[in-house]
Amino acid sequence: MQNYSFSLGGDNQIGKWQLNYLVFLSNSRNNSNQGRTYDFRSGALSVEIDDFYTDFANIVAPGIDIHDPFIINSFRDYVDNEDIIKGQNISAKINAALPFDWNGNNGLFKFGGKYRVMSNSRERIFREFNFINDGSVNTQSLFTALMSDEEDQQFLLNRVRFGPTLDGEKTDAFIASNPQLFQFDETNSRTQALPQFYDAQEEVLASYVMSRIQFNRVMLLGGFRYERTVVDYAANTFRTDGENIINETLSRVKGTRTFDFYLPNIHLRYSLDELTNIRAALTWSFARSNFADLAPTQAISIRDVPENPNDPTQIPVGNIDEGNAALLPARALNADLLFEKYFENVGIISGGLFYKRINDFNFTRQFTEQRIVPYTNILGESVVGPVNFNIEQPQNGDVAHLYGAEINLQAQLDFLPGLFSGLGVYTNYTYTHSSASTFERKGIRLPGQATHTANAALSYEYKGFSGRVALNFNGGVIRSLGPDQVTLSDGRQVFTRGAMDTWRADRYQVDVQVSYSIWKNLRVYAEFINLTNRAELEYFGERSRPSNIEFFDWWNRFGISYSL
């Protein structure tokens, strides 16, 4: 990863006016090398799944040891894969403020503006090489010759055996010594690379005006912000024959959208005493869509072409994975009420209630739709006809209402005696009830919104030592909304009623950080992340139907820090 940034700014006093300004430039490039992958396969096996309704389903083949390396007798290909993501951010902003006095009440009038151009692009370098055996290689024993001497014993907490694996160095040496056995697959390489491309630019012009005034114990702040956003996107669209891109269908598509945002806000603070406040706020805000979601990409794959092209009841089935250049940003109305009490030493206790109304929220939708498209039938003829597609696309919802409460405590326990005076605690908890509606479904949980989130930390500082143990909890969320109905192989329509929604299960994580100052400017530190090794798990509709489970293990980092 390469990043560099440059900024130039200043503060000036011109009479009673306070002026500050900043120009900022940053560039980034991330070459995400996915490494080399190898595709070895066995022949067709009749398999069964044990423990089907658990997180650790096992695959078995009656009468066959599926972990026997000698059943892997076919080398298909190897792939070199790299994603290149580039970004640039150029921005300039200026603010001017004028203090004033109104009947003995201090106030501040302020206005300013911002201009920003942000660009982002992604491309994939995908190179697939097929193994072409000229008869000089015994494929029955090739895998065992390149096999690693070690087997992963920690796969899925050692609940599922991973099986024999390749030795990367041995396999790369075999490839380098036998270049004549590998042929570059240009067609599939393009098919894998082209859907990943997008080029996007976002131009933002914003201005605001605000005023703040203090009336004894009451502080009143009001303002208005206007922002115009212009987004330009380019991406590839194409169809495939089920495996590879059909060249004549490949084209570059572009999209341009302009959004205007009018954002008033008002804040009120009432001070019960010097350390105690009640705050209330009514604000309007928005959230932009992701670059990758707005890019007008479209990858169409048609499979299961009917064997009888003259039977109108037999309809091909396909998949479409597409972006949505018509995606709108989410707009929100926010109402907040907060009580806060500061401690005389460092610390605060606070609690509040909030309400949000979100229009046009973004979510991922999976649905089925029949479209009339050209395709190639089983006879090799180009025809135009209906195809039943399974489609995944980011879309806008209708409206979501969120109600919730939050509490927060942060305190240094310096009233404790001796060594214990260095202890500190930090906790927060948020409860959110959400009710969202799309144009098809009503009264569902807002996708991406957890009901419960919490953080807690215990810190300790004494002389040069500093330590922190932190617990983070995120409740389960809906990741994507599935189709309301599915078509079975016999043509029957079955209503799923949320059974095909993809959920991400709740997750907690424990991290530890310690450091020690050796000298004034020299510090050694260590971090231990994800000590609980909690799984990231997804499931369909019910927790008993897992769809994906991943363990990332814990990791640590040690270092020395010197500050000038």
Foldseek 3Di string as FASTA:
>chain_A
DDKDKDKDKDWDDDPQKIKIKMKMKMKDKDKAWPDKDWDWAFDDADWDWPPQLDPDIEIDGPPDDPQPQLRRQGTFKMKTKIKMKIKMKIKMKMKMKGWDADPNWTKMKMKMKMKMKMKMKMWMQMKIKTFADPPPDRSSCVQVVQWDPDFDCCVVHNPYGPHIDGDVVSVVVVCVVCVVRIHIDPFQSCVVTQLGTKIKMKIKIKMKIKMWIDDPQKIKIKMKMKMKMKMKMKGWEAEDQQRGTDVVRIDIDMAIDMDIDIKIKMKMWGAPDPFKIKIKMKIKDWADDDPSQLHFYKYKHWDPFDPDPVDPVRATEIEIEGHHNPQDIKMKIKIKIKIKGADPPHKIKMKIKMKMKIAFDKAKEWEKDWDWDWHAHPVRDIDTGIYIYTYIHIGTFGMKMKIKMKIWIWDQCLVDDDQNSFKIKIKMKMAMDMWTGGPVDGGDHDAPDFRIWMKMKMWGDDDFKIKMKMKTKTAKGFRHFYYQWDADPVGDIDGCNQQQTKMWHIDMFIKMKMKGAPDDFKMKIKIKTRQVQTWGWMAGRDPSGTDDIDTDHIDMDIDMGGDD
